[in-house]
Amino acid sequence: MSPHGSGEPPAPARGEPAPVGEEPRVLDDYLRQVMAEIDDEVQRHRGEIPVQLERELDEMFLEHAPVAVRGGDLKDALGMVDRAAFVDPVVPVSSQRPAGAAVKKTLRALSLWYMGWVTHQVSTLGLAVSRALHAVDAQLGELRDRVPPPASTRVVDEGSSASWWVPRAVDALEDARGRVLHAACGDGWLVDLLTAEGVDAYGVDPRPGKVDDAELRGADLRREDPLVHLQAVRSSSLGGVVVSGIVEAMEPARRDQLVQSLLDRVGGRGVLVVHSVSPAAWAAEDAPPEADLAAGRPLRPRTWAHLLATWTVETVEGPGGEDYLVVARR
């Protein structure tokens, strides 16, 4: 039994680091303790705060604080709507002035029939709106249960410096004007090749641990989802982009977003290089596991020519027809 009277170990002293693996639990326990103390303090002073002032404070907090601050749950916001839906026509009559309470009681008695009629209609409207919002919340909950969350970007074929398409990609990007991005860069092997040719290249990769060693040696590599990174890049700011191993497994909606982002982020006289597994290889017996697990499938080479209709597109089929390369120029 701990000195605190419970079976839980005491929290570390102030300034003392928590044991490895214990810090999140200690922080959660401390947060719960603080919230419980705040609730107790509010209950003790409940009668000291006028109801009208408390309601005004709630309204100000709801107006200026984002929903995420209140837990990020729509039900929290709907709870406040439910509490505010009823309009009380019986106004308080307490007063600090002599005879003030009597005057207020008289005015309340004279106007209560009128205010009651108005507030009844307002409360009815508020309850109807609250019920409608609860119905919307229920339908959104059903949609959340039915629609799977967006999957992280899968990398199907990482490639290597020995891949047949690499010399063609490097040649196409040698004269790129601006930074060149390699999406799904792995350990940065293509970034190194492009940098050696004088290209201002950098890379992103969504997989944990892939870019760690390369970052230590000073390469400009980042662990980010390629689509998220492209959406954060300024329009027409890239001189070229290499996309390898990620378009095959993407579901159609995410792939459309990727294509639109590429069209917008690659500037004038820019170059887009796409390496992809062919649909035939995707259906083969020795296809990667992503062929069964992915929501999407590879595009045919001529489909890229359709998507990049305003560009000059060249497609090259790899040995054996298992993959292909797309080189597109503005």
C-alpha atoms as a PDB file:
ATOM      1  CA  MET A   1       0.000   0.000   0.000  1.00  0.00           C
ATOM      2  CA  SER A   2       1.368   3.383  -0.983  1.00  0.00           C
ATOM      3  CA  PRO A   3       1.491   6.344   1.460  1.00  0.00           C
ATOM      4  CA  HIS A   4      -1.381   7.903  -0.508  1.00  0.00           C
ATOM      5  CA  GLY A   5      -3.721   5.127   0.585  1.00  0.00           C
ATOM      6  CA  SER A   6      -4.126   3.376  -2.799  1.00  0.00           C
ATOM      7  CA  GLY A   7      -2.502   0.538  -4.654  1.00  0.00           C
ATOM      8  CA  GLU A   8      -1.159   2.883  -7.324  1.00  0.00           C
ATOM      9  CA  PRO A   9       2.501   3.904  -7.144  1.00  0.00           C
ATOM     10  CA  PRO A  10       3.034   7.561  -6.226  1.00  0.00           C
ATOM     11  CA  ALA A  11       3.694  10.028  -9.037  1.00  0.00           C
ATOM     12  CA  PRO A  12       7.296  11.148  -9.490  1.00  0.00           C
ATOM     13  CA  ALA A  13       8.356  14.182  -7.497  1.00  0.00           C
ATOM     14  CA  ARG A  14       8.387  17.550  -9.219  1.00  0.00           C
ATOM     15  CA  GLY A  15      11.414  17.769 -11.514  1.00  0.00           C
ATOM     16  CA  GLU A  16      12.022  14.002 -11.314  1.00  0.00           C
ATOM     17  CA  PRO A  17      11.665  12.248 -14.708  1.00  0.00           C
ATOM     18  CA  ALA A  18       9.075   9.502 -14.910  1.00  0.00           C
ATOM     19  CA  PRO A  19      10.271   5.932 -15.627  1.00  0.00           C
ATOM     20  CA  VAL A  20      10.352   4.871 -19.254  1.00  0.00           C
ATOM     21  CA  GLY A  21       6.853   3.919 -20.394  1.00  0.00           C
ATOM     22  CA  GLU A  22       5.228   5.474 -17.297  1.00  0.00           C
ATOM     23  CA  GLU A  23       5.099   9.146 -18.325  1.00  0.00           C
ATOM     24  CA  PRO A  24       1.858   8.989 -20.389  1.00  0.00           C
ATOM     25  CA  ARG A  25       0.029   7.161 -17.581  1.00  0.00           C
ATOM     26  CA  VAL A  26       1.318   9.592 -14.944  1.00  0.00           C
ATOM     27  CA  LEU A  27       0.215  12.567 -17.043  1.00  0.00           C
ATOM     28  CA  ASP A  28      -3.248  11.061 -17.570  1.00  0.00           C
ATOM     29  CA  ASP A  29      -3.636  10.437 -13.812  1.00  0.00           C
ATOM     30  CA  TYR A  30      -2.494  13.972 -13.036  1.00  0.00           C
ATOM     31  CA  LEU A  31      -4.926  15.454 -15.572  1.00  0.00           C
ATOM     32  CA  ARG A  32      -7.819  13.475 -14.114  1.00  0.00           C
ATOM     33  CA  GLN A  33      -6.891  14.651 -10.627  1.00  0.00           C
ATOM     34  CA  VAL A  34      -6.780  18.298 -11.708  1.00  0.00           C
ATOM     35  CA  MET A  35     -10.141  18.023 -13.502  1.00  0.00           C
ATOM     36  CA  ALA A  36     -11.691  16.403 -10.407  1.00  0.00           C
ATOM     37  CA  GLU A  37     -10.405  19.248  -8.208  1.00  0.00           C
ATOM     38  CA  ILE A  38     -11.854  21.814 -10.616  1.00  0.00           C
ATOM     39  CA  ASP A  39     -15.238  20.052 -10.583  1.00  0.00           C
ATOM     40  CA  ASP A  40     -15.245  20.001  -6.759  1.00  0.00           C
ATOM     41  CA  GLU A  41     -14.407  23.711  -6.637  1.00  0.00           C
ATOM     42  CA  VAL A  42     -17.211  24.513  -9.068  1.00  0.00           C
ATOM     43  CA  GLN A  43     -19.706  22.539  -7.013  1.00  0.00           C
ATOM     44  CA  ARG A  44     -18.689  24.355  -3.804  1.00  0.00           C
ATOM     45  CA  HIS A  45     -19.216  27.771  -5.411  1.00  0.00           C
ATOM     46  CA  ARG A  46     -22.216  26.851  -7.518  1.00  0.00           C
ATOM     47  CA  GLY A  47     -24.623  29.082  -5.623  1.00  0.00           C
ATOM     48  CA  GLU A  48     -22.290  32.062  -5.580  1.00  0.00           C
ATOM     49  CA  ILE A  49     -22.344  32.625  -9.335  1.00  0.00           C
ATOM     50  CA  PRO A  50     -25.579  34.072 -10.790  1.00  0.00           C
ATOM     51  CA  VAL A  51     -27.256  31.724 -13.255  1.00  0.00           C
ATOM     52  CA  GLN A  52     -27.335  34.423 -15.917  1.00  0.00           C
ATOM     53  CA  LEU A  53     -23.595  35.031 -15.585  1.00  0.00           C
ATOM     54  CA  GLU A  54     -22.883  31.304 -15.782  1.00  0.00           C
ATOM     55  CA  ARG A  55     -24.963  31.042 -18.954  1.00  0.00           C
ATOM     56  CA  GLU A  56     -23.180  34.028 -20.488  1.00  0.00           C
ATOM     57  CA  LEU A  57     -19.808  32.452 -19.703  1.00  0.00           C
ATOM     58  CA  ASP A  58     -20.920  29.184 -21.318  1.00  0.00           C
ATOM     59  CA  GLU A  59     -22.069  31.042 -24.424  1.00  0.00           C
ATOM     60  CA  MET A  60     -18.810  32.976 -24.661  1.00  0.00           C
ATOM     61  CA  PHE A  61     -16.784  29.790 -24.303  1.00  0.00           C
ATOM     62  CA  LEU A  62     -18.817  28.004 -26.970  1.00  0.00           C
ATOM     63  CA  GLU A  63     -18.463  30.993 -29.308  1.00  0.00           C
ATOM     64  CA  HIS A  64     -14.717  31.496 -28.982  1.00  0.00           C
ATOM     65  CA  ALA A  65     -13.342  28.030 -28.142  1.00  0.00           C
ATOM     66  CA  PRO A  66     -13.086  25.380 -30.897  1.00  0.00           C
ATOM     67  CA  VAL A  67     -14.973  22.144 -30.433  1.00  0.00           C
ATOM     68  CA  ALA A  68     -11.635  20.296 -30.195  1.00  0.00           C
ATOM     69  CA  VAL A  69     -10.884  22.102 -26.917  1.00  0.00           C
ATOM     70  CA  ARG A  70     -14.006  20.577 -25.415  1.00  0.00           C
ATOM     71  CA  GLY A  71     -12.896  17.053 -26.314  1.00  0.00           C
ATOM     72  CA  GLY A  72     -13.337  17.150 -30.072  1.00  0.00           C
ATOM     73  CA  ASP A  73     -16.748  15.414 -29.854  1.00  0.00           C
ATOM     74  CA  LEU A  74     -19.849  16.787 -31.559  1.00  0.00           C
ATOM     75  CA  LYS A  75     -21.935  15.380 -28.731  1.00  0.00           C
ATOM     76  CA  ASP A  76     -20.322  17.885 -26.340  1.00  0.00           C
ATOM     77  CA  ALA A  77     -21.476  20.782 -28.499  1.00  0.00           C
ATOM     78  CA  LEU A  78     -24.939  19.244 -28.850  1.00  0.00           C
ATOM     79  CA  GLY A  79     -25.150  18.950 -25.069  1.00  0.00           C
ATOM     80  CA  MET A  80     -24.731  22.698 -24.758  1.00  0.00           C
ATOM     81  CA  VAL A  81     -27.362  23.204 -27.468  1.00  0.00           C
ATOM     82  CA  ASP A  82     -29.757  21.043 -25.435  1.00  0.00           C
ATOM     83  CA  ARG A  83     -29.115  23.067 -22.303  1.00  0.00           C
ATOM     84  CA  ALA A  84     -29.585  26.364 -24.125  1.00  0.00           C
ATOM     85  CA  ALA A  85     -32.733  25.269 -26.001  1.00  0.00           C
ATOM     86  CA  PHE A  86     -35.009  26.064 -23.052  1.00  0.00           C
ATOM     87  CA  VAL A  87     -35.613  29.775 -22.407  1.00  0.00           C
ATOM     88  CA  ASP A  88     -36.712  30.473 -18.833  1.00  0.00           C
ATOM     89  CA  PRO A  89     -39.286  33.307 -18.694  1.00  0.00           C
ATOM     90  CA  VAL A  90     -39.015  33.567 -14.881  1.00  0.00           C
ATOM     91  CA  VAL A  91     -36.284  36.172 -14.585  1.00  0.00           C
ATOM     92  CA  PRO A  92     -34.353  36.606 -11.274  1.00  0.00           C
ATOM     93  CA  VAL A  93     -35.562  39.412  -9.011  1.00  0.00           C
ATOM     94  CA  SER A  94     -32.745  39.772  -6.485  1.00  0.00           C
ATOM     95  CA  SER A  95     -31.434  43.318  -6.189  1.00  0.00           C
ATOM     96  CA  GLN A  96     -28.909  45.290  -4.141  1.00  0.00           C
ATOM     97  CA  ARG A  97     -30.983  48.460  -4.252  1.00  0.00           C
ATOM     98  CA  PRO A  98     -33.748  49.260  -1.759  1.00  0.00           C
ATOM     99  CA  ALA A  99     -37.147  48.096  -3.012  1.00  0.00           C
ATOM    100  CA  GLY A 100     -35.458  46.772  -6.137  1.00  0.00           C
ATOM    101  CA  ALA A 101     -36.650  43.214  -5.599  1.00  0.00           C
ATOM    102  CA  ALA A 102     -40.250  44.371  -5.114  1.00  0.00           C
ATOM    103  CA  VAL A 103     -40.171  46.403  -8.316  1.00  0.00           C
ATOM    104  CA  LYS A 104     -38.714  43.492 -10.252  1.00  0.00           C
ATOM    105  CA  LYS A 105     -41.328  41.094  -8.874  1.00  0.00           C
ATOM    106  CA  THR A 106     -44.082  43.459  -9.952  1.00  0.00           C
ATOM    107  CA  LEU A 107     -42.668  43.833 -13.449  1.00  0.00           C
ATOM    108  CA  ARG A 108     -42.177  40.079 -13.741  1.00  0.00           C
ATOM    109  CA  ALA A 109     -45.763  39.397 -12.683  1.00  0.00           C
ATOM    110  CA  LEU A 110     -47.113  41.940 -15.185  1.00  0.00           C
ATOM    111  CA  SER A 111     -45.067  40.651 -18.134  1.00  0.00           C
ATOM    112  CA  LEU A 112     -44.834  36.942 -17.347  1.00  0.00           C
ATOM    113  CA  TRP A 113     -47.865  35.981 -19.435  1.00  0.00           C
ATOM    114  CA  TYR A 114     -46.382  37.742 -22.466  1.00  0.00           C
ATOM    115  CA  MET A 115     -42.792  36.555 -21.968  1.00  0.00           C
ATOM    116  CA  GLY A 116     -44.019  33.031 -21.274  1.00  0.00           C
ATOM    117  CA  TRP A 117     -45.834  32.931 -24.614  1.00  0.00           C
ATOM    118  CA  VAL A 118     -42.741  34.164 -26.496  1.00  0.00           C
ATOM    119  CA  THR A 119     -40.251  31.962 -24.661  1.00  0.00           C
ATOM    120  CA  HIS A 120     -42.449  28.913 -25.186  1.00  0.00           C
ATOM    121  CA  GLN A 121     -42.201  29.384 -28.948  1.00  0.00           C
ATOM    122  CA  VAL A 122     -38.465  30.038 -28.789  1.00  0.00           C
ATOM    123  CA  SER A 123     -37.930  26.953 -26.629  1.00  0.00           C
ATOM    124  CA  THR A 124     -40.004  24.860 -29.025  1.00  0.00           C
ATOM    125  CA  LEU A 125     -37.848  26.052 -31.909  1.00  0.00           C
ATOM    126  CA  GLY A 126     -34.685  25.345 -29.949  1.00  0.00           C
ATOM    127  CA  LEU A 127     -35.806  21.807 -29.127  1.00  0.00           C
ATOM    128  CA  ALA A 128     -36.699  21.151 -32.773  1.00  0.00           C
ATOM    129  CA  VAL A 129     -33.278  22.371 -33.899  1.00  0.00           C
ATOM    130  CA  SER A 130     -31.614  20.260 -31.214  1.00  0.00           C
ATOM    131  CA  ARG A 131     -33.484  17.136 -32.345  1.00  0.00           C
ATOM    132  CA  ALA A 132     -32.512  17.807 -35.960  1.00  0.00           C
ATOM    133  CA  LEU A 133     -28.856  18.186 -34.987  1.00  0.00           C
ATOM    134  CA  HIS A 134     -28.979  14.935 -33.011  1.00  0.00           C
ATOM    135  CA  ALA A 135     -30.421  13.194 -36.077  1.00  0.00           C
ATOM    136  CA  VAL A 136     -27.583  14.604 -38.185  1.00  0.00           C
ATOM    137  CA  ASP A 137     -25.053  13.423 -35.584  1.00  0.00           C
ATOM    138  CA  ALA A 138     -26.579   9.931 -35.643  1.00  0.00           C
ATOM    139  CA  GLN A 139     -26.385   9.771 -39.446  1.00  0.00           C
ATOM    140  CA  LEU A 140     -22.785  11.007 -39.381  1.00  0.00           C
ATOM    141  CA  GLY A 141     -22.001   8.277 -36.875  1.00  0.00           C
ATOM    142  CA  GLU A 142     -23.452   5.663 -39.223  1.00  0.00           C
ATOM    143  CA  LEU A 143     -21.384   7.047 -42.093  1.00  0.00           C
ATOM    144  CA  ARG A 144     -18.234   6.950 -39.973  1.00  0.00           C
ATOM    145  CA  ASP A 145     -18.920   3.290 -39.221  1.00  0.00           C
ATOM    146  CA  ARG A 146     -19.510   2.430 -42.880  1.00  0.00           C
ATOM    147  CA  VAL A 147     -16.729   4.445 -44.518  1.00  0.00           C
ATOM    148  CA  PRO A 148     -13.237   3.146 -43.752  1.00  0.00           C
ATOM    149  CA  PRO A 149     -10.658   5.714 -42.666  1.00  0.00           C
ATOM    150  CA  PRO A 150      -8.207   6.874 -45.346  1.00  0.00           C
ATOM    151  CA  ALA A 151      -5.375   4.410 -45.646  1.00  0.00           C
ATOM    152  CA  SER A 152      -1.788   5.509 -45.430  1.00  0.00           C
ATOM    153  CA  THR A 153       0.185   5.507 -48.665  1.00  0.00           C
ATOM    154  CA  ARG A 154       1.576   2.065 -49.490  1.00  0.00           C
ATOM    155  CA  VAL A 155       4.911   1.730 -51.242  1.00  0.00           C
ATOM    156  CA  VAL A 156       4.786  -1.218 -53.644  1.00  0.00           C
ATOM    157  CA  ASP A 157       8.141  -1.098 -55.442  1.00  0.00           C
ATOM    158  CA  GLU A 158      10.894   0.896 -53.794  1.00  0.00           C
ATOM    159  CA  GLY A 159      13.340   0.575 -56.687  1.00  0.00           C
ATOM    160  CA  SER A 160      17.110   0.927 -56.506  1.00  0.00           C
ATOM    161  CA  SER A 161      19.994   2.611 -58.298  1.00  0.00           C
ATOM    162  CA  ALA A 162      20.274  -0.518 -60.471  1.00  0.00           C
ATOM    163  CA  SER A 163      16.693  -0.275 -61.793  1.00  0.00           C
ATOM    164  CA  TRP A 164      16.415   0.029 -65.583  1.00  0.00           C
ATOM    165  CA  TRP A 165      14.385   3.256 -65.449  1.00  0.00           C
ATOM    166  CA  VAL A 166      16.758   5.239 -63.229  1.00  0.00           C
ATOM    167  CA  PRO A 167      19.145   6.537 -65.976  1.00  0.00           C
ATOM    168  CA  ARG A 168      16.169   7.769 -68.004  1.00  0.00           C
ATOM    169  CA  ALA A 169      14.734   9.558 -64.956  1.00  0.00           C
ATOM    170  CA  VAL A 170      18.048  11.220 -64.111  1.00  0.00           C
ATOM    171  CA  ASP A 171      18.534  12.355 -67.725  1.00  0.00           C
ATOM    172  CA  ALA A 172      15.042  13.860 -67.806  1.00  0.00           C
ATOM    173  CA  LEU A 173      15.640  15.833 -64.601  1.00  0.00           C
ATOM    174  CA  GLU A 174      19.210  17.051 -65.178  1.00  0.00           C
ATOM    175  CA  ASP A 175      18.025  20.441 -66.460  1.00  0.00           C
ATOM    176  CA  ALA A 176      15.096  20.868 -64.088  1.00  0.00           C
ATOM    177  CA  ARG A 177      14.527  24.465 -63.009  1.00  0.00           C
ATOM    178  CA  GLY A 178      13.770  24.367 -59.317  1.00  0.00           C
ATOM    179  CA  ARG A 179      13.672  21.739 -56.623  1.00  0.00           C
ATOM    180  CA  VAL A 180      12.999  18.129 -57.540  1.00  0.00           C
ATOM    181  CA  LEU A 181      10.980  15.903 -55.230  1.00  0.00           C
ATOM    182  CA  HIS A 182      11.232  12.120 -55.052  1.00  0.00           C
ATOM    183  CA  ALA A 183       8.045  10.731 -53.543  1.00  0.00           C
ATOM    184  CA  ALA A 184       8.643   7.434 -51.693  1.00  0.00           C
ATOM    185  CA  CYS A 185      12.384   8.064 -51.641  1.00  0.00           C
ATOM    186  CA  GLY A 186      13.335   5.207 -49.306  1.00  0.00           C
ATOM    187  CA  ASP A 187      16.860   5.767 -48.028  1.00  0.00           C
ATOM    188  CA  GLY A 188      17.427   8.551 -50.556  1.00  0.00           C
ATOM    189  CA  TRP A 189      19.308   6.595 -53.230  1.00  0.00           C
ATOM    190  CA  LEU A 190      17.722   8.571 -56.106  1.00  0.00           C
ATOM    191  CA  VAL A 191      18.137  11.866 -54.271  1.00  0.00           C
ATOM    192  CA  ASP A 192      21.867  11.108 -54.005  1.00  0.00           C
ATOM    193  CA  LEU A 193      22.091  10.343 -57.723  1.00  0.00           C
ATOM    194  CA  LEU A 194      20.281  13.543 -58.671  1.00  0.00           C
ATOM    195  CA  THR A 195      22.342  15.627 -56.259  1.00  0.00           C
ATOM    196  CA  ALA A 196      25.534  14.221 -57.787  1.00  0.00           C
ATOM    197  CA  GLU A 197      24.314  15.556 -61.149  1.00  0.00           C
ATOM    198  CA  GLY A 198      23.802  19.035 -59.711  1.00  0.00           C
ATOM    199  CA  VAL A 199      20.039  18.760 -59.209  1.00  0.00           C
ATOM    200  CA  ASP A 200      18.515  20.369 -56.115  1.00  0.00           C
ATOM    201  CA  ALA A 201      16.708  17.215 -55.009  1.00  0.00           C
ATOM    202  CA  TYR A 202      14.986  16.115 -51.819  1.00  0.00           C
ATOM    203  CA  GLY A 203      12.666  13.278 -50.838  1.00  0.00           C
ATOM    204  CA  VAL A 204       9.747  12.226 -48.681  1.00  0.00           C
ATOM    205  CA  ASP A 205       8.708   8.751 -47.579  1.00  0.00           C
ATOM    206  CA  PRO A 206       5.703   7.670 -45.460  1.00  0.00           C
ATOM    207  CA  ARG A 207       7.301   4.579 -43.925  1.00  0.00           C
ATOM    208  CA  PRO A 208       8.744   4.646 -40.385  1.00  0.00           C
ATOM    209  CA  GLY A 209      12.527   4.465 -40.178  1.00  0.00           C
ATOM    210  CA  LYS A 210      13.216   4.693 -43.907  1.00  0.00           C
ATOM    211  CA  VAL A 211      14.805   8.139 -43.918  1.00  0.00           C
ATOM    212  CA  ASP A 212      16.441   8.077 -40.478  1.00  0.00           C
ATOM    213  CA  ASP A 213      19.947   7.021 -41.503  1.00  0.00           C
ATOM    214  CA  ALA A 214      19.942   9.285 -44.547  1.00  0.00           C
ATOM    215  CA  GLU A 215      18.964  12.274 -42.405  1.00  0.00           C
ATOM    216  CA  LEU A 216      21.958  11.601 -40.177  1.00  0.00           C
ATOM    217  CA  ARG A 217      24.301  11.884 -43.127  1.00  0.00           C
ATOM    218  CA  GLY A 218      22.784  15.240 -44.051  1.00  0.00           C
ATOM    219  CA  ALA A 219      20.445  14.331 -46.903  1.00  0.00           C
ATOM    220  CA  ASP A 220      17.281  16.394 -47.271  1.00  0.00           C
ATOM    221  CA  LEU A 221      14.794  13.601 -46.603  1.00  0.00           C
ATOM    222  CA  ARG A 222      11.607  13.753 -44.569  1.00  0.00           C
ATOM    223  CA  ARG A 223       9.171  11.227 -43.214  1.00  0.00           C
ATOM    224  CA  GLU A 224       5.888  12.511 -44.645  1.00  0.00           C
ATOM    225  CA  ASP A 225       3.009  11.177 -46.655  1.00  0.00           C
ATOM    226  CA  PRO A 226       3.722  12.219 -50.271  1.00  0.00           C
ATOM    227  CA  LEU A 227       0.174  13.433 -50.912  1.00  0.00           C
ATOM    228  CA  VAL A 228       0.069  15.473 -47.708  1.00  0.00           C
ATOM    229  CA  HIS A 229       3.445  16.991 -48.545  1.00  0.00           C
ATOM    230  CA  LEU A 230       2.420  17.919 -52.082  1.00  0.00           C
ATOM    231  CA  GLN A 231      -0.753  19.576 -50.845  1.00  0.00           C
ATOM    232  CA  ALA A 232       1.351  21.740 -48.521  1.00  0.00           C
ATOM    233  CA  VAL A 233       3.784  22.814 -51.258  1.00  0.00           C
ATOM    234  CA  ARG A 234       3.275  26.162 -52.972  1.00  0.00           C
ATOM    235  CA  SER A 235       1.801  26.135 -56.469  1.00  0.00           C
ATOM    236  CA  SER A 236       4.332  25.898 -59.364  1.00  0.00           C
ATOM    237  CA  SER A 237       7.220  25.741 -56.890  1.00  0.00           C
ATOM    238  CA  LEU A 238       8.749  22.429 -58.030  1.00  0.00           C
ATOM    239  CA  GLY A 239      10.949  21.931 -61.055  1.00  0.00           C
ATOM    240  CA  GLY A 240      10.257  18.225 -61.152  1.00  0.00           C
ATOM    241  CA  VAL A 241       8.757  15.279 -59.290  1.00  0.00           C
ATOM    242  CA  VAL A 242       9.584  11.575 -59.350  1.00  0.00           C
ATOM    243  CA  VAL A 243       6.758   9.298 -58.206  1.00  0.00           C
ATOM    244  CA  SER A 244       7.697   5.666 -57.738  1.00  0.00           C
ATOM    245  CA  GLY A 245       5.901   2.793 -56.072  1.00  0.00           C
ATOM    246  CA  ILE A 246       2.878   4.640 -54.664  1.00  0.00           C
ATOM    247  CA  VAL A 247       0.332   5.170 -57.458  1.00  0.00           C
ATOM    248  CA  GLU A 248      -0.444   1.468 -57.866  1.00  0.00           C
ATOM    249  CA  ALA A 249      -2.108   0.834 -54.513  1.00  0.00           C
ATOM    250  CA  MET A 250      -3.875   4.191 -54.152  1.00  0.00           C
ATOM    251  CA  GLU A 251      -7.653   4.227 -54.154  1.00  0.00           C
ATOM    252  CA  PRO A 252      -9.077   6.296 -57.025  1.00  0.00           C
ATOM    253  CA  ALA A 253      -9.989   9.348 -54.937  1.00  0.00           C
ATOM    254  CA  ARG A 254      -6.505   9.693 -53.430  1.00  0.00           C
ATOM    255  CA  ARG A 255      -4.887   9.086 -56.806  1.00  0.00           C
ATOM    256  CA  ASP A 256      -6.999  11.850 -58.334  1.00  0.00           C
ATOM    257  CA  GLN A 257      -5.851  14.171 -55.559  1.00  0.00           C
ATOM    258  CA  LEU A 258      -2.256  13.187 -56.223  1.00  0.00           C
ATOM    259  CA  VAL A 259      -2.532  13.884 -59.944  1.00  0.00           C
ATOM    260  CA  GLN A 260      -4.181  17.263 -59.375  1.00  0.00           C
ATOM    261  CA  SER A 261      -1.512  18.194 -56.849  1.00  0.00           C
ATOM    262  CA  LEU A 262       1.242  17.213 -59.286  1.00  0.00           C
ATOM    263  CA  LEU A 263      -0.309  19.262 -62.086  1.00  0.00           C
ATOM    264  CA  ASP A 264      -0.467  22.308 -59.841  1.00  0.00           C
ATOM    265  CA  ARG A 265       2.862  22.039 -57.996  1.00  0.00           C
ATOM    266  CA  VAL A 266       5.153  21.400 -60.980  1.00  0.00           C
ATOM    267  CA  GLY A 267       6.027  24.743 -62.518  1.00  0.00           C
ATOM    268  CA  GLY A 268       6.570  25.841 -66.109  1.00  0.00           C
ATOM    269  CA  ARG A 269       8.979  23.678 -68.117  1.00  0.00           C
ATOM    270  CA  GLY A 270       8.824  21.177 -65.256  1.00  0.00           C
ATOM    271  CA  VAL A 271       9.233  17.425 -65.535  1.00  0.00           C
ATOM    272  CA  LEU A 272       7.113  14.669 -64.029  1.00  0.00           C
ATOM    273  CA  VAL A 273       8.483  11.126 -63.868  1.00  0.00           C
ATOM    274  CA  VAL A 274       6.200   8.261 -62.846  1.00  0.00           C
ATOM    275  CA  HIS A 275       7.349   4.675 -62.408  1.00  0.00           C
ATOM    276  CA  SER A 276       4.607   2.105 -61.984  1.00  0.00           C
ATOM    277  CA  VAL A 277       4.027  -1.626 -62.026  1.00  0.00           C
ATOM    278  CA  SER A 278       1.906  -2.663 -65.005  1.00  0.00           C
ATOM    279  CA  PRO A 279      -1.650  -4.016 -64.607  1.00  0.00           C
ATOM    280  CA  ALA A 280      -0.476  -7.362 -65.996  1.00  0.00           C
ATOM    281  CA  ALA A 281       2.189  -7.699 -63.297  1.00  0.00           C
ATOM    282  CA  TRP A 282      -0.372  -6.660 -60.683  1.00  0.00           C
ATOM    283  CA  ALA A 283      -2.540  -9.652 -61.622  1.00  0.00           C
ATOM    284  CA  ALA A 284       0.332 -12.156 -61.807  1.00  0.00           C
ATOM    285  CA  GLU A 285       0.834 -14.949 -59.288  1.00  0.00           C
ATOM    286  CA  ASP A 286       4.063 -13.404 -57.993  1.00  0.00           C
ATOM    287  CA  ALA A 287       2.535  -9.947 -57.511  1.00  0.00           C
ATOM    288  CA  PRO A 288       3.286  -8.171 -54.211  1.00  0.00           C
ATOM    289  CA  PRO A 289       0.815  -8.569 -51.330  1.00  0.00           C
ATOM    290  CA  GLU A 290      -0.436  -5.026 -51.950  1.00  0.00           C
ATOM    291  CA  ALA A 291      -2.162  -6.382 -55.068  1.00  0.00           C
ATOM    292  CA  ASP A 292      -4.668  -8.152 -52.819  1.00  0.00           C
ATOM    293  CA  LEU A 293      -4.749  -5.656 -49.947  1.00  0.00           C
ATOM    294  CA  ALA A 294      -4.884  -2.364 -51.832  1.00  0.00           C
ATOM    295  CA  ALA A 295      -8.046  -0.465 -52.673  1.00  0.00           C
ATOM    296  CA  GLY A 296      -6.668   0.596 -56.057  1.00  0.00           C
ATOM    297  CA  ARG A 297      -4.845  -0.902 -58.993  1.00  0.00           C
ATOM    298  CA  PRO A 298      -2.173   0.292 -61.453  1.00  0.00           C
ATOM    299  CA  LEU A 299      -3.115   2.479 -64.384  1.00  0.00           C
ATOM    300  CA  ARG A 300      -2.275   1.604 -67.954  1.00  0.00           C
ATOM    301  CA  PRO A 301       0.435   3.746 -69.577  1.00  0.00           C
ATOM    302  CA  ARG A 302      -1.993   5.416 -71.993  1.00  0.00           C
ATOM    303  CA  THR A 303      -4.163   6.497 -69.078  1.00  0.00           C
ATOM    304  CA  TRP A 304      -1.330   8.734 -67.911  1.00  0.00           C
ATOM    305  CA  ALA A 305      -1.298  10.316 -71.357  1.00  0.00           C
ATOM    306  CA  HIS A 306      -5.006  11.051 -70.854  1.00  0.00           C
ATOM    307  CA  LEU A 307      -4.505  12.484 -67.359  1.00  0.00           C
ATOM    308  CA  LEU A 308      -1.609  14.663 -68.544  1.00  0.00           C
ATOM    309  CA  ALA A 309      -3.281  15.714 -71.781  1.00  0.00           C
ATOM    310  CA  THR A 310      -1.765  19.212 -71.739  1.00  0.00           C
ATOM    311  CA  TRP A 311       1.760  17.823 -71.296  1.00  0.00           C
ATOM    312  CA  THR A 312       4.154  16.090 -73.663  1.00  0.00           C
ATOM    313  CA  VAL A 313       4.049  12.500 -72.454  1.00  0.00           C
ATOM    314  CA  GLU A 314       6.488   9.697 -73.243  1.00  0.00           C
ATOM    315  CA  THR A 315       5.941   6.162 -71.949  1.00  0.00           C
ATOM    316  CA  VAL A 316       8.594   3.452 -71.908  1.00  0.00           C
ATOM    317  CA  GLU A 317       7.818  -0.173 -71.097  1.00  0.00           C
ATOM    318  CA  GLY A 318      10.246  -2.058 -68.913  1.00  0.00           C
ATOM    319  CA  PRO A 319      11.838  -5.438 -69.617  1.00  0.00           C
ATOM    320  CA  GLY A 320       9.229  -8.186 -69.665  1.00  0.00           C
ATOM    321  CA  GLY A 321       6.340  -5.724 -69.555  1.00  0.00           C
ATOM    322  CA  GLU A 322       6.133  -5.853 -65.756  1.00  0.00           C
ATOM    323  CA  ASP A 323       6.510  -2.093 -65.250  1.00  0.00           C
ATOM    324  CA  TYR A 324       6.738   1.124 -67.209  1.00  0.00           C
ATOM    325  CA  LEU A 325       8.023   4.668 -66.963  1.00  0.00           C
ATOM    326  CA  VAL A 326       6.173   7.896 -67.781  1.00  0.00           C
ATOM    327  CA  VAL A 327       8.153  11.066 -68.513  1.00  0.00           C
ATOM    328  CA  ALA A 328       5.941  14.122 -68.918  1.00  0.00           C
ATOM    329  CA  ARG A 329       7.075  17.658 -69.743  1.00  0.00           C
ATOM    330  CA  ARG A 330       5.076  20.888 -69.825  1.00  0.00           C
END
